[in-house]
PDB file of N, CA and C in Angstrom:
ATOM      1  N   MET A   1     -15.244   6.981   8.332  1.00  0.00           N
ATOM      2  CA  MET A   1     -14.530   8.085   8.921  1.00  0.00           C
ATOM      3  C   MET A   1     -13.973   8.951   7.780  1.00  0.00           C
ATOM      4  N   ILE A   2     -14.054  10.236   7.935  1.00  0.00           N
ATOM      5  CA  ILE A   2     -13.539  11.173   6.940  1.00  0.00           C
ATOM      6  C   ILE A   2     -12.450  12.017   7.592  1.00  0.00           C
ATOM      7  N   ILE A   3     -11.284  12.064   6.923  1.00  0.00           N
ATOM      8  CA  ILE A   3     -10.160  12.862   7.429  1.00  0.00           C
ATOM      9  C   ILE A   3      -9.524  13.629   6.276  1.00  0.00           C
ATOM     10  N   THR A   4      -8.730  14.617   6.612  1.00  0.00           N
ATOM     11  CA  THR A   4      -8.013  15.379   5.580  1.00  0.00           C
ATOM     12  C   THR A   4      -6.692  14.682   5.245  1.00  0.00           C
ATOM     13  N   ALA A   5      -6.145  15.010   4.089  1.00  0.00           N
ATOM     14  CA  ALA A   5      -4.860  14.460   3.685  1.00  0.00           C
ATOM     15  C   ALA A   5      -3.767  14.877   4.673  1.00  0.00           C
ATOM     16  N   THR A   6      -3.847  16.076   5.192  1.00  0.00           N
ATOM     17  CA  THR A   6      -2.871  16.553   6.178  1.00  0.00           C
ATOM     18  C   THR A   6      -2.940  15.715   7.447  1.00  0.00           C
ATOM     19  N   GLU A   7      -4.158  15.420   7.904  1.00  0.00           N
ATOM     20  CA  GLU A   7      -4.336  14.582   9.092  1.00  0.00           C
ATOM     21  C   GLU A   7      -3.758  13.190   8.859  1.00  0.00           C
ATOM     22  N   LEU A   8      -3.960  12.634   7.665  1.00  0.00           N
ATOM     23  CA  LEU A   8      -3.406  11.327   7.339  1.00  0.00           C
ATOM     24  C   LEU A   8      -1.883  11.358   7.398  1.00  0.00           C
ATOM     25  N   LYS A   9      -1.279  12.374   6.795  1.00  0.00           N
ATOM     26  CA  LYS A   9       0.190  12.477   6.807  1.00  0.00           C
ATOM     27  C   LYS A   9       0.731  12.597   8.223  1.00  0.00           C
ATOM     28  N   THR A  10       0.040  13.327   9.057  1.00  0.00           N
ATOM     29  CA  THR A  10       0.492  13.552  10.428  1.00  0.00           C
ATOM     30  C   THR A  10       0.385  12.288  11.279  1.00  0.00           C
ATOM     31  N   ASN A  11      -0.659  11.491  11.052  1.00  0.00           N
ATOM     32  CA  ASN A  11      -0.941  10.334  11.908  1.00  0.00           C
ATOM     33  C   ASN A  11      -1.130   9.050  11.093  1.00  0.00           C
ATOM     34  N   ILE A  12      -0.250   8.795  10.143  1.00  0.00           N
ATOM     35  CA  ILE A  12      -0.406   7.663   9.224  1.00  0.00           C
ATOM     36  C   ILE A  12      -0.554   6.327   9.950  1.00  0.00           C
ATOM     37  N   GLY A  13       0.237   6.101  10.990  1.00  0.00           N
ATOM     38  CA  GLY A  13       0.174   4.838  11.718  1.00  0.00           C
ATOM     39  C   GLY A  13      -1.184   4.600  12.346  1.00  0.00           C
ATOM     40  N   LYS A  14      -1.727   5.624  12.934  1.00  0.00           N
ATOM     41  CA  LYS A  14      -3.047   5.532  13.564  1.00  0.00           C
ATOM     42  C   LYS A  14      -4.105   5.135  12.542  1.00  0.00           C
ATOM     43  N   TYR A  15      -4.076   5.761  11.375  1.00  0.00           N
ATOM     44  CA  TYR A  15      -5.106   5.499  10.380  1.00  0.00           C
ATOM     45  C   TYR A  15      -4.895   4.173   9.661  1.00  0.00           C
ATOM     46  N   LEU A  16      -3.670   3.698   9.572  1.00  0.00           N
ATOM     47  CA  LEU A  16      -3.439   2.366   9.017  1.00  0.00           C
ATOM     48  C   LEU A  16      -4.054   1.309   9.935  1.00  0.00           C
ATOM     49  N   ARG A  17      -3.918   1.500  11.229  1.00  0.00           N
ATOM     50  CA  ARG A  17      -4.534   0.561  12.174  1.00  0.00           C
ATOM     51  C   ARG A  17      -6.057   0.630  12.095  1.00  0.00           C
ATOM     52  N   LEU A  18      -6.597   1.837  12.046  1.00  0.00           N
ATOM     53  CA  LEU A  18      -8.050   1.987  11.968  1.00  0.00           C
ATOM     54  C   LEU A  18      -8.629   1.415  10.671  1.00  0.00           C
ATOM     55  N   ALA A  19      -7.854   1.500   9.593  1.00  0.00           N
ATOM     56  CA  ALA A  19      -8.332   1.016   8.297  1.00  0.00           C
ATOM     57  C   ALA A  19      -8.516  -0.499   8.271  1.00  0.00           C
ATOM     58  N   GLU A  20      -7.944  -1.190   9.244  1.00  0.00           N
ATOM     59  CA  GLU A  20      -8.149  -2.634   9.319  1.00  0.00           C
ATOM     60  C   GLU A  20      -9.601  -2.970   9.665  1.00  0.00           C
ATOM     61  N   THR A  21     -10.281  -2.044  10.325  1.00  0.00           N
ATOM     62  CA  THR A  21     -11.644  -2.333  10.782  1.00  0.00           C
ATOM     63  C   THR A  21     -12.708  -1.410  10.198  1.00  0.00           C
ATOM     64  N   GLN A  22     -12.297  -0.321   9.547  1.00  0.00           N
ATOM     65  CA  GLN A  22     -13.286   0.593   8.972  1.00  0.00           C
ATOM     66  C   GLN A  22     -12.700   1.337   7.778  1.00  0.00           C
ATOM     67  N   ASP A  23     -13.564   1.759   6.884  1.00  0.00           N
ATOM     68  CA  ASP A  23     -13.127   2.540   5.733  1.00  0.00           C
ATOM     69  C   ASP A  23     -12.826   3.968   6.170  1.00  0.00           C
ATOM     70  N   ILE A  24     -11.783   4.536   5.559  1.00  0.00           N
ATOM     71  CA  ILE A  24     -11.402   5.908   5.855  1.00  0.00           C
ATOM     72  C   ILE A  24     -11.381   6.680   4.537  1.00  0.00           C
ATOM     73  N   ILE A  25     -12.152   7.743   4.473  1.00  0.00           N
ATOM     74  CA  ILE A  25     -12.186   8.607   3.291  1.00  0.00           C
ATOM     75  C   ILE A  25     -11.235   9.765   3.543  1.00  0.00           C
ATOM     76  N   ILE A  26     -10.311   9.986   2.599  1.00  0.00           N
ATOM     77  CA  ILE A  26      -9.347  11.082   2.725  1.00  0.00           C
ATOM     78  C   ILE A  26      -9.781  12.194   1.779  1.00  0.00           C
ATOM     79  N   THR A  27      -9.821  13.417   2.318  1.00  0.00           N
ATOM     80  CA  THR A  27     -10.228  14.573   1.519  1.00  0.00           C
ATOM     81  C   THR A  27      -9.053  15.518   1.299  1.00  0.00           C
ATOM     82  N   LYS A  28      -9.149  16.264   0.230  1.00  0.00           N
ATOM     83  CA  LYS A  28      -8.188  17.327  -0.064  1.00  0.00           C
ATOM     84  C   LYS A  28      -9.005  18.493  -0.586  1.00  0.00           C
ATOM     85  N   ASN A  29      -8.823  19.646   0.025  1.00  0.00           N
ATOM     86  CA  ASN A  29      -9.624  20.832  -0.319  1.00  0.00           C
ATOM     87  C   ASN A  29     -11.122  20.533  -0.209  1.00  0.00           C
ATOM     88  N   ASN A  30     -11.477  19.818   0.842  1.00  0.00           N
ATOM     89  CA  ASN A  30     -12.868  19.458   1.135  1.00  0.00           C
ATOM     90  C   ASN A  30     -13.523  18.559   0.091  1.00  0.00           C
ATOM     91  N   LYS A  31     -12.729  17.881  -0.730  1.00  0.00           N
ATOM     92  CA  LYS A  31     -13.268  16.964  -1.726  1.00  0.00           C
ATOM     93  C   LYS A  31     -12.704  15.567  -1.455  1.00  0.00           C
ATOM     94  N   PRO A  32     -13.557  14.544  -1.424  1.00  0.00           N
ATOM     95  CA  PRO A  32     -13.054  13.180  -1.221  1.00  0.00           C
ATOM     96  C   PRO A  32     -12.181  12.758  -2.391  1.00  0.00           C
ATOM     97  N   ILE A  33     -10.999  12.204  -2.079  1.00  0.00           N
ATOM     98  CA  ILE A  33     -10.095  11.805  -3.152  1.00  0.00           C
ATOM     99  C   ILE A  33      -9.706  10.333  -3.098  1.00  0.00           C
ATOM    100  N   VAL A  34      -9.751   9.731  -1.900  1.00  0.00           N
ATOM    101  CA  VAL A  34      -9.279   8.355  -1.744  1.00  0.00           C
ATOM    102  C   VAL A  34     -10.046   7.674  -0.621  1.00  0.00           C
ATOM    103  N   LYS A  35     -10.223   6.358  -0.766  1.00  0.00           N
ATOM    104  CA  LYS A  35     -10.785   5.565   0.327  1.00  0.00           C
ATOM    105  C   LYS A  35      -9.728   4.553   0.753  1.00  0.00           C
ATOM    106  N   LEU A  36      -9.409   4.549   2.027  1.00  0.00           N
ATOM    107  CA  LEU A  36      -8.452   3.616   2.602  1.00  0.00           C
ATOM    108  C   LEU A  36      -9.254   2.521   3.285  1.00  0.00           C
ATOM    109  N   SER A  37      -9.033   1.259   2.876  1.00  0.00           N
ATOM    110  CA  SER A  37      -9.785   0.163   3.471  1.00  0.00           C
ATOM    111  C   SER A  37      -8.897  -1.067   3.603  1.00  0.00           C
ATOM    112  N   SER A  38      -9.370  -2.026   4.351  1.00  0.00           N
ATOM    113  CA  SER A  38      -8.608  -3.231   4.632  1.00  0.00           C
ATOM    114  C   SER A  38      -8.594  -4.176   3.435  1.00  0.00           C
ATOM    115  N   LEU A  39      -7.502  -4.903   3.276  1.00  0.00           N
ATOM    116  CA  LEU A  39      -7.446  -5.952   2.275  1.00  0.00           C
ATOM    117  C   LEU A  39      -8.139  -7.216   2.758  1.00  0.00           C
ATOM    118  N   ARG A  40      -8.329  -7.307   4.056  1.00  0.00           N
ATOM    119  CA  ARG A  40      -8.998  -8.468   4.646  1.00  0.00           C
ATOM    120  C   ARG A  40     -10.505  -8.257   4.569  1.00  0.00           C
ATOM    121  N   GLU A  41     -11.092  -8.836   3.544  1.00  0.00           N
ATOM    122  CA  GLU A  41     -12.532  -8.700   3.372  1.00  0.00           C
ATOM    123  C   GLU A  41     -13.224  -9.896   4.016  1.00  0.00           C
ATOM    124  N   ASN A  42     -14.279  -9.638   4.714  1.00  0.00           N
ATOM    125  CA  ASN A  42     -15.075 -10.717   5.257  1.00  0.00           C
ATOM    126  C   ASN A  42     -16.041 -11.146   4.165  1.00  0.00           C
ATOM    127  N   LYS A  43     -15.727 -12.254   3.520  1.00  0.00           N
ATOM    128  CA  LYS A  43     -16.503 -12.697   2.370  1.00  0.00           C
ATOM    129  C   LYS A  43     -17.953 -13.016   2.728  1.00  0.00           C
ATOM    130  N   LEU A  44     -18.197 -13.487   3.952  1.00  0.00           N
ATOM    131  CA  LEU A  44     -19.577 -13.748   4.360  1.00  0.00           C
ATOM    132  C   LEU A  44     -20.372 -12.453   4.478  1.00  0.00           C
ATOM    133  N   ASP A  45     -19.742 -11.401   4.971  1.00  0.00           N
ATOM    134  CA  ASP A  45     -20.428 -10.107   5.045  1.00  0.00           C
ATOM    135  C   ASP A  45     -20.769  -9.603   3.648  1.00  0.00           C
ATOM    136  N   ILE A  46     -19.842  -9.784   2.711  1.00  0.00           N
ATOM    137  CA  ILE A  46     -20.090  -9.353   1.331  1.00  0.00           C
ATOM    138  C   ILE A  46     -21.260 -10.131   0.736  1.00  0.00           C
ATOM    139  N   LEU A  47     -21.254 -11.444   0.930  1.00  0.00           N
ATOM    140  CA  LEU A  47     -22.351 -12.261   0.406  1.00  0.00           C
ATOM    141  C   LEU A  47     -23.679 -11.887   1.044  1.00  0.00           C
ATOM    142  N   ASP A  48     -23.673 -11.677   2.353  1.00  0.00           N
ATOM    143  CA  ASP A  48     -24.907 -11.277   3.035  1.00  0.00           C
ATOM    144  C   ASP A  48     -25.450  -9.961   2.492  1.00  0.00           C
ATOM    145  N   SER A  49     -24.553  -9.054   2.131  1.00  0.00           N
ATOM    146  CA  SER A  49     -25.002  -7.761   1.616  1.00  0.00           C
ATOM    147  C   SER A  49     -25.618  -7.886   0.218  1.00  0.00           C
ATOM    148  N   LEU A  50     -25.306  -8.968  -0.485  1.00  0.00           N
ATOM    149  CA  LEU A  50     -25.829  -9.166  -1.837  1.00  0.00           C
ATOM    150  C   LEU A  50     -27.154  -9.926  -1.874  1.00  0.00           C
ATOM    151  N   VAL A  51     -27.526 -10.537  -0.758  1.00  0.00           N
ATOM    152  CA  VAL A  51     -28.755 -11.323  -0.725  1.00  0.00           C
ATOM    153  C   VAL A  51     -29.937 -10.432  -1.104  1.00  0.00           C
ATOM    154  N   GLY A  52     -30.686 -10.893  -2.096  1.00  0.00           N
ATOM    155  CA  GLY A  52     -31.862 -10.152  -2.542  1.00  0.00           C
ATOM    156  C   GLY A  52     -31.575  -9.198  -3.683  1.00  0.00           C
ATOM    157  N   ILE A  53     -30.308  -8.892  -3.944  1.00  0.00           N
ATOM    158  CA  ILE A  53     -29.972  -7.980  -5.038  1.00  0.00           C
ATOM    159  C   ILE A  53     -30.013  -8.710  -6.372  1.00  0.00           C
ATOM    160  N   VAL A  54     -29.395  -9.888  -6.393  1.00  0.00           N
ATOM    161  CA  VAL A  54     -29.341 -10.675  -7.614  1.00  0.00           C
ATOM    162  C   VAL A  54     -30.588 -11.545  -7.684  1.00  0.00           C
ATOM    163  N   GLN A  55     -31.333 -11.387  -8.759  1.00  0.00           N
ATOM    164  CA  GLN A  55     -32.563 -12.158  -8.906  1.00  0.00           C
ATOM    165  C   GLN A  55     -32.251 -13.499  -9.568  1.00  0.00           C
ATOM    166  N   ASP A  56     -32.985 -14.512  -9.178  1.00  0.00           N
ATOM    167  CA  ASP A  56     -32.812 -15.841  -9.750  1.00  0.00           C
ATOM    168  C   ASP A  56     -33.669 -15.938 -11.007  1.00  0.00           C
ATOM    169  N   ASP A  57     -33.028 -15.703 -12.148  1.00  0.00           N
ATOM    170  CA  ASP A  57     -33.756 -15.769 -13.414  1.00  0.00           C
ATOM    171  C   ASP A  57     -33.257 -16.914 -14.291  1.00  0.00           C
ATOM    172  N   GLY A  58     -32.640 -17.921 -13.653  1.00  0.00           N
ATOM    173  CA  GLY A  58     -32.154 -19.063 -14.408  1.00  0.00           C
ATOM    174  C   GLY A  58     -30.757 -18.863 -14.981  1.00  0.00           C
ATOM    175  N   TYR A  59     -30.143 -17.735 -14.711  1.00  0.00           N
ATOM    176  CA  TYR A  59     -28.788 -17.440 -15.194  1.00  0.00           C
ATOM    177  C   TYR A  59     -27.816 -18.312 -14.418  1.00  0.00           C
ATOM    178  N   THR A  60     -27.073 -19.159 -15.109  1.00  0.00           N
ATOM    179  CA  THR A  60     -26.197 -20.131 -14.446  1.00  0.00           C
ATOM    180  C   THR A  60     -24.738 -19.693 -14.509  1.00  0.00           C
ATOM    181  N   LEU A  61     -23.916 -20.423 -13.770  1.00  0.00           N
ATOM    182  CA  LEU A  61     -22.479 -20.178 -13.798  1.00  0.00           C
ATOM    183  C   LEU A  61     -21.923 -20.393 -15.205  1.00  0.00           C
ATOM    184  N   ASP A  62     -22.432 -21.392 -15.906  1.00  0.00           N
ATOM    185  CA  ASP A  62     -22.004 -21.622 -17.292  1.00  0.00           C
ATOM    186  C   ASP A  62     -22.378 -20.440 -18.186  1.00  0.00           C
ATOM    187  N   ASP A  63     -23.553 -19.854 -17.966  1.00  0.00           N
ATOM    188  CA  ASP A  63     -23.956 -18.666 -18.726  1.00  0.00           C
ATOM    189  C   ASP A  63     -22.993 -17.511 -18.461  1.00  0.00           C
ATOM    190  N   ALA A  64     -22.634 -17.308 -17.197  1.00  0.00           N
ATOM    191  CA  ALA A  64     -21.712 -16.232 -16.831  1.00  0.00           C
ATOM    192  C   ALA A  64     -20.352 -16.457 -17.464  1.00  0.00           C
ATOM    193  N   ARG A  65     -19.877 -17.694 -17.433  1.00  0.00           N
ATOM    194  CA  ARG A  65     -18.576 -18.018 -18.036  1.00  0.00           C
ATOM    195  C   ARG A  65     -18.601 -17.748 -19.535  1.00  0.00           C
ATOM    196  N   ARG A  66     -19.669 -18.168 -20.203  1.00  0.00           N
ATOM    197  CA  ARG A  66     -19.800 -17.967 -21.637  1.00  0.00           C
ATOM    198  C   ARG A  66     -19.830 -16.468 -21.976  1.00  0.00           C
ATOM    199  N   ASP A  67     -20.547 -15.671 -21.174  1.00  0.00           N
ATOM    200  CA  ASP A  67     -20.597 -14.221 -21.393  1.00  0.00           C
ATOM    201  C   ASP A  67     -19.226 -13.600 -21.216  1.00  0.00           C
ATOM    202  N   ARG A  68     -18.520 -14.014 -20.160  1.00  0.00           N
ATOM    203  CA  ARG A  68     -17.196 -13.459 -19.893  1.00  0.00           C
ATOM    204  C   ARG A  68     -16.231 -13.779 -21.026  1.00  0.00           C
ATOM    205  N   LEU A  69     -16.259 -15.015 -21.506  1.00  0.00           N
ATOM    206  CA  LEU A  69     -15.337 -15.418 -22.579  1.00  0.00           C
ATOM    207  C   LEU A  69     -15.683 -14.743 -23.903  1.00  0.00           C
ATOM    208  N   SER A  70     -16.939 -14.455 -24.134  1.00  0.00           N
ATOM    209  CA  SER A  70     -17.336 -13.804 -25.388  1.00  0.00           C
ATOM    210  C   SER A  70     -16.866 -12.350 -25.436  1.00  0.00           C
ATOM    211  N   LYS A  71     -16.589 -11.757 -24.272  1.00  0.00           N
ATOM    212  CA  LYS A  71     -16.144 -10.365 -24.224  1.00  0.00           C
ATOM    213  C   LYS A  71     -14.636 -10.225 -24.388  1.00  0.00           C
ATOM    214  N   GLN A  72     -13.934 -11.334 -24.412  1.00  0.00           N
ATOM    215  CA  GLN A  72     -12.452 -11.256 -24.522  1.00  0.00           C
ATOM    216  C   GLN A  72     -12.005 -11.165 -25.948  1.00  0.00           C
TER     217      GLN A  72
END
């Protein structure tokens, strides 16, 4: 859903309730500036959306940990 900043200010309660179930893009001067979304993420939906994106090339959790620590 896309709304203006003025609309958000006028009806903040309505959009806070809606943001629990859908993302809301707020625009100012016809330009998107903010996305309002729920903190309650459905982790299974997120995982399902990633299926097929990450290729299995033998990269393990230990490899990821080692890479992360080397960047610190």
